Amino acid sequence: MTQTMMRRFSARTHIGLIRPVNEDAIFAMPDLGLWAVADGMGGHGGGDFASQSVVDALAALPADPSPDTLPARLRAALGQAHAEIQCEAARRGKRTMGSTVVVLVLAGAHFLCLWSGDSRLYRLRDGRLDQITQDHSVVAALVSAGQLTQEAAADHPQSNQITQAVGVGPVPGIEKRRGAVARGDRFLLCSDGLTRYASDKVLARVMRETPIATLADALLHIALDGGAADNVSVIVVEV
């Protein structure tokens, strides 16, 4: 656990119980108020390169950029990672190589979230858990269109098929959302290795009841206890 000013966080990434390599990567720059989770795809050597490229690009950001320029700098960093992943994919002859990403920035009384793919950001406020991001995935689009229920989405044959990712397509498909921060807010960034094993109800209960110092571990163990067929990455931040 690390504390910076009025923020505390805990973070964990785990290979899971089935996969031979961890293709997830996590990043924390608390002095800048920035955290990120990336979930790579492309198989052994491909997915981990992609997620690490995203994290490395974020790590290269200056330590004290102006809040006004930070969104543009973040997009530029993700664009750089996008280009590097595509060059490496071409070099390896891979058709698919990329990474989801979810980025949280806390600045004063506001937050900024950028994301691509199905890694998620949640906010717990006054005991209520809200999903800030919307998955860029086939099943999320079907649910949004009213063609599939949320309950049926997890068992859909295309449940793992994402529609946007860094490194895939001509440009990185990055979505942005801003909002207010209140004292006591807790934010959760995670890869789908957690959310496939934890319902919103379970996440809300654990987020409400667990101290921040052990919260990332508690969430990780939900996935491990469920079988953890994928890599699992969790960052929780408390204001």
C-alpha atoms as a PDB file:
ATOM      1  CA  MET A   1       0.000   0.000   0.000  1.00  0.00           C
ATOM      2  CA  THR A   2       1.237   3.477  -0.841  1.00  0.00           C
ATOM      3  CA  GLN A   3      -0.049   6.841   0.409  1.00  0.00           C
ATOM      4  CA  THR A   4       0.340  10.122  -1.423  1.00  0.00           C
ATOM      5  CA  MET A   5      -1.349  13.229   0.003  1.00  0.00           C
ATOM      6  CA  MET A   6      -5.037  12.307   0.354  1.00  0.00           C
ATOM      7  CA  ARG A   7      -4.896   9.143  -1.748  1.00  0.00           C
ATOM      8  CA  ARG A   8      -4.085   5.558  -0.815  1.00  0.00           C
ATOM      9  CA  PHE A   9      -3.926   2.572  -3.122  1.00  0.00           C
ATOM     10  CA  SER A  10      -3.149  -1.117  -3.281  1.00  0.00           C
ATOM     11  CA  ALA A  11      -2.441  -3.152  -6.408  1.00  0.00           C
ATOM     12  CA  ARG A  12      -1.892  -6.742  -7.481  1.00  0.00           C
ATOM     13  CA  THR A  13      -1.322  -8.591 -10.740  1.00  0.00           C
ATOM     14  CA  HIS A  14      -1.285 -12.386 -10.912  1.00  0.00           C
ATOM     15  CA  ILE A  15      -0.667 -14.942 -13.641  1.00  0.00           C
ATOM     16  CA  GLY A  16      -3.750 -16.900 -12.581  1.00  0.00           C
ATOM     17  CA  LEU A  17      -4.012 -20.672 -12.373  1.00  0.00           C
ATOM     18  CA  ILE A  18      -4.051 -21.685 -16.047  1.00  0.00           C
ATOM     19  CA  ARG A  19      -2.116 -19.286 -18.277  1.00  0.00           C
ATOM     20  CA  PRO A  20       1.639 -19.921 -18.808  1.00  0.00           C
ATOM     21  CA  VAL A  21       2.527 -16.216 -18.756  1.00  0.00           C
ATOM     22  CA  ASN A  22       1.074 -13.014 -17.332  1.00  0.00           C
ATOM     23  CA  GLU A  23      -0.031 -10.847 -20.252  1.00  0.00           C
ATOM     24  CA  ASP A  24      -1.385  -8.169 -17.886  1.00  0.00           C
ATOM     25  CA  ALA A  25       0.594  -5.155 -16.712  1.00  0.00           C
ATOM     26  CA  ILE A  26      -0.197  -2.562 -14.065  1.00  0.00           C
ATOM     27  CA  PHE A  27       1.158   0.931 -13.532  1.00  0.00           C
ATOM     28  CA  ALA A  28       1.055   3.423 -10.661  1.00  0.00           C
ATOM     29  CA  MET A  29       2.427   6.965 -10.607  1.00  0.00           C
ATOM     30  CA  PRO A  30       0.766   8.302  -7.413  1.00  0.00           C
ATOM     31  CA  ASP A  31       2.705  11.573  -7.443  1.00  0.00           C
ATOM     32  CA  LEU A  32       0.992  12.332 -10.746  1.00  0.00           C
ATOM     33  CA  GLY A  33      -2.304  10.827  -9.564  1.00  0.00           C
ATOM     34  CA  LEU A  34      -2.199   8.246 -12.358  1.00  0.00           C
ATOM     35  CA  TRP A  35      -2.917   4.506 -12.359  1.00  0.00           C
ATOM     36  CA  ALA A  36      -3.445   2.030 -15.217  1.00  0.00           C
ATOM     37  CA  VAL A  37      -4.224  -1.604 -15.991  1.00  0.00           C
ATOM     38  CA  ALA A  38      -3.386  -3.146 -19.379  1.00  0.00           C
ATOM     39  CA  ASP A  39      -4.426  -6.598 -20.580  1.00  0.00           C
ATOM     40  CA  GLY A  40      -2.453  -7.878 -23.556  1.00  0.00           C
ATOM     41  CA  MET A  41      -3.553 -10.210 -26.319  1.00  0.00           C
ATOM     42  CA  GLY A  42      -1.549 -11.999 -28.951  1.00  0.00           C
ATOM     43  CA  GLY A  43      -0.394 -15.163 -27.267  1.00  0.00           C
ATOM     44  CA  HIS A  44       2.847 -15.933 -25.474  1.00  0.00           C
ATOM     45  CA  GLY A  45       5.349 -13.162 -26.079  1.00  0.00           C
ATOM     46  CA  GLY A  46       2.787 -11.034 -27.888  1.00  0.00           C
ATOM     47  CA  GLY A  47       0.277 -10.057 -25.249  1.00  0.00           C
ATOM     48  CA  ASP A  48       2.889  -9.337 -22.611  1.00  0.00           C
ATOM     49  CA  PHE A  49       4.854  -7.193 -25.082  1.00  0.00           C
ATOM     50  CA  ALA A  50       1.688  -5.225 -25.906  1.00  0.00           C
ATOM     51  CA  SER A  51       0.640  -4.553 -22.315  1.00  0.00           C
ATOM     52  CA  GLN A  52       4.199  -3.658 -21.310  1.00  0.00           C
ATOM     53  CA  SER A  53       4.417  -1.258 -24.257  1.00  0.00           C
ATOM     54  CA  VAL A  54       1.355   0.564 -22.925  1.00  0.00           C
ATOM     55  CA  VAL A  55       2.796   0.763 -19.418  1.00  0.00           C
ATOM     56  CA  ASP A  56       6.206   1.892 -20.691  1.00  0.00           C
ATOM     57  CA  ALA A  57       4.617   4.685 -22.720  1.00  0.00           C
ATOM     58  CA  LEU A  58       2.745   5.921 -19.649  1.00  0.00           C
ATOM     59  CA  ALA A  59       5.888   5.688 -17.529  1.00  0.00           C
ATOM     60  CA  ALA A  60       7.651   8.024 -19.964  1.00  0.00           C
ATOM     61  CA  LEU A  61       5.208  10.854 -19.180  1.00  0.00           C
ATOM     62  CA  PRO A  62       6.820  13.836 -17.405  1.00  0.00           C
ATOM     63  CA  ALA A  63       6.347  13.794 -13.656  1.00  0.00           C
ATOM     64  CA  ASP A  64       4.668  17.215 -13.500  1.00  0.00           C
ATOM     65  CA  PRO A  65       2.724  18.000 -16.665  1.00  0.00           C
ATOM     66  CA  SER A  66       0.082  20.696 -16.590  1.00  0.00           C
ATOM     67  CA  PRO A  67      -3.388  19.253 -15.846  1.00  0.00           C
ATOM     68  CA  ASP A  68      -4.602  21.036 -18.964  1.00  0.00           C
ATOM     69  CA  THR A  69      -2.161  19.149 -21.198  1.00  0.00           C
ATOM     70  CA  LEU A  70      -2.329  15.756 -19.484  1.00  0.00           C
ATOM     71  CA  PRO A  71      -5.239  14.324 -21.547  1.00  0.00           C
ATOM     72  CA  ALA A  72      -3.419  15.121 -24.785  1.00  0.00           C
ATOM     73  CA  ARG A  73      -0.175  13.684 -23.407  1.00  0.00           C
ATOM     74  CA  LEU A  74      -1.960  10.502 -22.376  1.00  0.00           C
ATOM     75  CA  ARG A  75      -3.466  10.086 -25.824  1.00  0.00           C
ATOM     76  CA  ALA A  76      -0.067  10.701 -27.388  1.00  0.00           C
ATOM     77  CA  ALA A  77       1.524   8.090 -25.132  1.00  0.00           C
ATOM     78  CA  LEU A  78      -1.129   5.517 -26.024  1.00  0.00           C
ATOM     79  CA  GLY A  79      -0.691   6.412 -29.693  1.00  0.00           C
ATOM     80  CA  GLN A  80       3.026   5.753 -29.373  1.00  0.00           C
ATOM     81  CA  ALA A  81       2.333   2.366 -27.785  1.00  0.00           C
ATOM     82  CA  HIS A  82      -0.160   1.626 -30.575  1.00  0.00           C
ATOM     83  CA  ALA A  83       2.512   2.225 -33.223  1.00  0.00           C
ATOM     84  CA  GLU A  84       5.143   0.191 -31.389  1.00  0.00           C
ATOM     85  CA  ILE A  85       2.795  -2.765 -30.989  1.00  0.00           C
ATOM     86  CA  GLN A  86       1.855  -2.711 -34.667  1.00  0.00           C
ATOM     87  CA  CYS A  87       5.513  -2.590 -35.731  1.00  0.00           C
ATOM     88  CA  GLU A  88       6.325  -5.536 -33.482  1.00  0.00           C
ATOM     89  CA  ALA A  89       3.295  -7.475 -34.703  1.00  0.00           C
ATOM     90  CA  ALA A  90       4.413  -6.979 -38.310  1.00  0.00           C
ATOM     91  CA  ARG A  91       7.941  -8.056 -37.424  1.00  0.00           C
ATOM     92  CA  ARG A  92       6.627 -11.255 -35.825  1.00  0.00           C
ATOM     93  CA  GLY A  93       4.085 -11.922 -38.540  1.00  0.00           C
ATOM     94  CA  LYS A  94       1.200 -11.839 -36.040  1.00  0.00           C
ATOM     95  CA  ARG A  95      -2.298 -10.989 -37.234  1.00  0.00           C
ATOM     96  CA  THR A  96      -3.549  -9.946 -33.812  1.00  0.00           C
ATOM     97  CA  MET A  97      -1.487  -8.256 -31.143  1.00  0.00           C
ATOM     98  CA  GLY A  98      -2.719  -5.534 -28.849  1.00  0.00           C
ATOM     99  CA  SER A  99      -3.723  -4.517 -25.363  1.00  0.00           C
ATOM    100  CA  THR A 100      -6.745  -3.214 -23.554  1.00  0.00           C
ATOM    101  CA  VAL A 101      -6.097  -0.355 -21.163  1.00  0.00           C
ATOM    102  CA  VAL A 102      -7.904   1.599 -18.483  1.00  0.00           C
ATOM    103  CA  VAL A 103      -6.282   4.736 -17.067  1.00  0.00           C
ATOM    104  CA  LEU A 104      -7.405   6.737 -14.031  1.00  0.00           C
ATOM    105  CA  VAL A 105      -6.151  10.252 -13.301  1.00  0.00           C
ATOM    106  CA  LEU A 106      -7.083  12.061 -10.079  1.00  0.00           C
ATOM    107  CA  ALA A 107      -6.560  15.823 -10.123  1.00  0.00           C
ATOM    108  CA  GLY A 108      -8.056  17.947  -7.397  1.00  0.00           C
ATOM    109  CA  ALA A 109     -11.778  17.328  -7.138  1.00  0.00           C
ATOM    110  CA  HIS A 110     -12.048  15.583 -10.516  1.00  0.00           C
ATOM    111  CA  PHE A 111     -11.127  12.334 -12.200  1.00  0.00           C
ATOM    112  CA  LEU A 112     -10.303  11.513 -15.790  1.00  0.00           C
ATOM    113  CA  CYS A 113     -10.632   8.032 -17.248  1.00  0.00           C
ATOM    114  CA  LEU A 114      -9.356   6.838 -20.621  1.00  0.00           C
ATOM    115  CA  TRP A 115      -9.936   3.298 -21.799  1.00  0.00           C
ATOM    116  CA  SER A 116      -9.904   0.911 -24.702  1.00  0.00           C
ATOM    117  CA  GLY A 117     -11.280  -2.621 -24.614  1.00  0.00           C
ATOM    118  CA  ASP A 118     -12.862  -4.389 -21.652  1.00  0.00           C
ATOM    119  CA  SER A 119     -10.591  -3.481 -18.761  1.00  0.00           C
ATOM    120  CA  ARG A 120     -12.821  -1.512 -16.418  1.00  0.00           C
ATOM    121  CA  LEU A 121     -13.040   1.360 -13.957  1.00  0.00           C
ATOM    122  CA  TYR A 122     -15.588   1.278 -11.132  1.00  0.00           C
ATOM    123  CA  ARG A 123     -16.344   3.868  -8.461  1.00  0.00           C
ATOM    124  CA  LEU A 124     -17.743   3.100  -5.020  1.00  0.00           C
ATOM    125  CA  ARG A 125     -19.503   6.098  -3.458  1.00  0.00           C
ATOM    126  CA  ASP A 126     -21.755   6.020  -0.391  1.00  0.00           C
ATOM    127  CA  GLY A 127     -21.903   2.233  -0.648  1.00  0.00           C
ATOM    128  CA  ARG A 128     -23.016   2.216  -4.278  1.00  0.00           C
ATOM    129  CA  LEU A 129     -20.823   0.750  -7.016  1.00  0.00           C
ATOM    130  CA  ASP A 130     -21.001   2.264 -10.507  1.00  0.00           C
ATOM    131  CA  GLN A 131     -19.172   1.101 -13.614  1.00  0.00           C
ATOM    132  CA  ILE A 132     -17.585   4.204 -15.138  1.00  0.00           C
ATOM    133  CA  THR A 133     -16.357   2.558 -18.334  1.00  0.00           C
ATOM    134  CA  GLN A 134     -18.362   0.715 -20.956  1.00  0.00           C
ATOM    135  CA  ASP A 135     -16.749  -2.370 -22.474  1.00  0.00           C
ATOM    136  CA  HIS A 136     -15.636  -2.155 -26.079  1.00  0.00           C
ATOM    137  CA  SER A 137     -16.773  -5.675 -26.864  1.00  0.00           C
ATOM    138  CA  VAL A 138     -19.193  -7.628 -29.013  1.00  0.00           C
ATOM    139  CA  VAL A 139     -21.427  -8.611 -26.092  1.00  0.00           C
ATOM    140  CA  ALA A 140     -21.470  -5.092 -24.623  1.00  0.00           C
ATOM    141  CA  ALA A 141     -22.731  -3.780 -27.954  1.00  0.00           C
ATOM    142  CA  LEU A 142     -25.436  -6.469 -28.003  1.00  0.00           C
ATOM    143  CA  VAL A 143     -26.492  -5.604 -24.446  1.00  0.00           C
ATOM    144  CA  SER A 144     -26.573  -1.886 -25.287  1.00  0.00           C
ATOM    145  CA  ALA A 145     -28.745  -2.620 -28.334  1.00  0.00           C
ATOM    146  CA  GLY A 146     -31.164  -4.643 -26.226  1.00  0.00           C
ATOM    147  CA  GLN A 147     -30.338  -7.864 -28.090  1.00  0.00           C
ATOM    148  CA  LEU A 148     -28.761  -9.607 -25.084  1.00  0.00           C
ATOM    149  CA  THR A 149     -29.319  -9.463 -21.337  1.00  0.00           C
ATOM    150  CA  GLN A 150     -26.491  -8.658 -18.960  1.00  0.00           C
ATOM    151  CA  GLU A 151     -27.012 -12.039 -17.299  1.00  0.00           C
ATOM    152  CA  ALA A 152     -26.585 -13.903 -20.594  1.00  0.00           C
ATOM    153  CA  ALA A 153     -23.541 -11.914 -21.681  1.00  0.00           C
ATOM    154  CA  ALA A 154     -21.017 -13.883 -19.611  1.00  0.00           C
ATOM    155  CA  ASP A 155     -21.972 -17.172 -21.307  1.00  0.00           C
ATOM    156  CA  HIS A 156     -22.133 -15.793 -24.838  1.00  0.00           C
ATOM    157  CA  PRO A 157     -19.694 -17.531 -27.255  1.00  0.00           C
ATOM    158  CA  GLN A 158     -18.195 -14.130 -28.152  1.00  0.00           C
ATOM    159  CA  SER A 159     -17.868 -12.965 -24.552  1.00  0.00           C
ATOM    160  CA  ASN A 160     -14.099 -12.499 -24.893  1.00  0.00           C
ATOM    161  CA  GLN A 161     -14.170 -10.698 -28.259  1.00  0.00           C
ATOM    162  CA  ILE A 162     -13.249  -7.029 -27.885  1.00  0.00           C
ATOM    163  CA  THR A 163     -13.848  -4.422 -30.575  1.00  0.00           C
ATOM    164  CA  GLN A 164     -11.168  -1.860 -29.642  1.00  0.00           C
ATOM    165  CA  ALA A 165      -7.635  -2.145 -28.304  1.00  0.00           C
ATOM    166  CA  VAL A 166      -4.312  -0.348 -28.383  1.00  0.00           C
ATOM    167  CA  GLY A 167      -2.321  -1.813 -31.285  1.00  0.00           C
ATOM    168  CA  VAL A 168      -5.365  -2.921 -33.273  1.00  0.00           C
ATOM    169  CA  GLY A 169      -6.793  -0.976 -36.210  1.00  0.00           C
ATOM    170  CA  PRO A 170      -5.549   2.162 -37.950  1.00  0.00           C
ATOM    171  CA  VAL A 171      -5.797   4.284 -34.784  1.00  0.00           C
ATOM    172  CA  PRO A 172      -6.185   3.381 -31.097  1.00  0.00           C
ATOM    173  CA  GLY A 173      -9.854   3.477 -30.126  1.00  0.00           C
ATOM    174  CA  ILE A 174      -9.698   5.467 -26.888  1.00  0.00           C
ATOM    175  CA  GLU A 175     -12.790   6.655 -25.030  1.00  0.00           C
ATOM    176  CA  LYS A 176     -12.754   9.311 -22.303  1.00  0.00           C
ATOM    177  CA  ARG A 177     -14.903  10.150 -19.316  1.00  0.00           C
ATOM    178  CA  ARG A 178     -14.601  12.824 -16.628  1.00  0.00           C
ATOM    179  CA  GLY A 179     -16.327  13.234 -13.311  1.00  0.00           C
ATOM    180  CA  ALA A 180     -16.282  14.681  -9.820  1.00  0.00           C
ATOM    181  CA  VAL A 181     -14.428  13.123  -6.897  1.00  0.00           C
ATOM    182  CA  ALA A 182     -15.841  13.118  -3.368  1.00  0.00           C
ATOM    183  CA  ARG A 183     -14.126  12.356  -0.087  1.00  0.00           C
ATOM    184  CA  GLY A 184     -14.396   8.631   0.622  1.00  0.00           C
ATOM    185  CA  ASP A 185     -14.620   7.560  -3.029  1.00  0.00           C
ATOM    186  CA  ARG A 186     -12.958   4.271  -3.915  1.00  0.00           C
ATOM    187  CA  PHE A 187     -11.965   3.472  -7.486  1.00  0.00           C
ATOM    188  CA  LEU A 188     -11.314  -0.001  -8.905  1.00  0.00           C
ATOM    189  CA  LEU A 189      -9.312  -0.600 -12.079  1.00  0.00           C
ATOM    190  CA  CYS A 190      -9.234  -4.209 -13.231  1.00  0.00           C
ATOM    191  CA  SER A 191      -8.756  -6.605 -16.108  1.00  0.00           C
ATOM    192  CA  ASP A 192     -11.499  -9.022 -17.133  1.00  0.00           C
ATOM    193  CA  GLY A 193      -9.674 -11.744 -15.228  1.00  0.00           C
ATOM    194  CA  LEU A 194     -11.444 -10.367 -12.158  1.00  0.00           C
ATOM    195  CA  THR A 195     -14.856  -9.406 -13.515  1.00  0.00           C
ATOM    196  CA  ARG A 196     -15.575 -12.807 -15.034  1.00  0.00           C
ATOM    197  CA  TYR A 197     -15.585 -14.197 -11.466  1.00  0.00           C
ATOM    198  CA  ALA A 198     -17.129 -11.326  -9.523  1.00  0.00           C
ATOM    199  CA  SER A 199     -20.591  -9.855 -10.003  1.00  0.00           C
ATOM    200  CA  ASP A 200     -21.214  -6.181  -9.324  1.00  0.00           C
ATOM    201  CA  LYS A 201     -22.937  -7.215  -6.091  1.00  0.00           C
ATOM    202  CA  VAL A 202     -19.868  -9.112  -4.892  1.00  0.00           C
ATOM    203  CA  LEU A 203     -17.523  -6.316  -5.955  1.00  0.00           C
ATOM    204  CA  ALA A 204     -19.611  -3.742  -4.096  1.00  0.00           C
ATOM    205  CA  ARG A 205     -19.652  -5.789  -0.902  1.00  0.00           C
ATOM    206  CA  VAL A 206     -15.898  -6.392  -0.883  1.00  0.00           C
ATOM    207  CA  MET A 207     -15.171  -2.774  -1.842  1.00  0.00           C
ATOM    208  CA  ARG A 208     -17.351  -1.567   1.053  1.00  0.00           C
ATOM    209  CA  GLU A 209     -16.114  -3.928   3.745  1.00  0.00           C
ATOM    210  CA  THR A 210     -12.367  -4.392   3.164  1.00  0.00           C
ATOM    211  CA  PRO A 211      -9.602  -2.038   4.335  1.00  0.00           C
ATOM    212  CA  ILE A 212      -7.712  -0.439   1.467  1.00  0.00           C
ATOM    213  CA  ALA A 213      -4.437  -2.097   2.529  1.00  0.00           C
ATOM    214  CA  THR A 214      -5.812  -5.584   1.844  1.00  0.00           C
ATOM    215  CA  LEU A 215      -8.500  -4.756  -0.721  1.00  0.00           C
ATOM    216  CA  ALA A 216      -6.497  -5.667  -3.846  1.00  0.00           C
ATOM    217  CA  ASP A 217      -5.590  -9.019  -2.267  1.00  0.00           C
ATOM    218  CA  ALA A 218      -9.212  -9.691  -1.331  1.00  0.00           C
ATOM    219  CA  LEU A 219     -10.399  -9.013  -4.880  1.00  0.00           C
ATOM    220  CA  LEU A 220      -7.600 -11.117  -6.371  1.00  0.00           C
ATOM    221  CA  HIS A 221      -8.593 -14.076  -4.231  1.00  0.00           C
ATOM    222  CA  ILE A 222     -12.145 -13.958  -5.577  1.00  0.00           C
ATOM    223  CA  ALA A 223     -10.713 -14.798  -8.998  1.00  0.00           C
ATOM    224  CA  LEU A 224      -8.242 -17.356  -7.632  1.00  0.00           C
ATOM    225  CA  ASP A 225     -10.984 -19.094  -5.654  1.00  0.00           C
ATOM    226  CA  GLY A 226     -13.096 -19.172  -8.823  1.00  0.00           C
ATOM    227  CA  GLY A 227     -10.396 -20.905 -10.862  1.00  0.00           C
ATOM    228  CA  ALA A 228      -8.560 -17.889 -12.356  1.00  0.00           C
ATOM    229  CA  ALA A 229      -8.434 -19.166 -15.929  1.00  0.00           C
ATOM    230  CA  ASP A 230      -7.043 -15.793 -17.012  1.00  0.00           C
ATOM    231  CA  ASN A 231      -4.493 -13.350 -15.667  1.00  0.00           C
ATOM    232  CA  VAL A 232      -5.881 -11.069 -12.954  1.00  0.00           C
ATOM    233  CA  SER A 233      -4.957  -7.425 -12.321  1.00  0.00           C
ATOM    234  CA  VAL A 234      -6.439  -5.117  -9.697  1.00  0.00           C
ATOM    235  CA  ILE A 235      -5.730  -1.565  -8.558  1.00  0.00           C
ATOM    236  CA  VAL A 236      -7.874   0.107  -5.900  1.00  0.00           C
ATOM    237  CA  VAL A 237      -7.527   3.790  -5.041  1.00  0.00           C
ATOM    238  CA  GLU A 238      -9.132   5.517  -2.072  1.00  0.00           C
ATOM    239  CA  VAL A 239      -9.618   9.271  -1.805  1.00  0.00           C
END
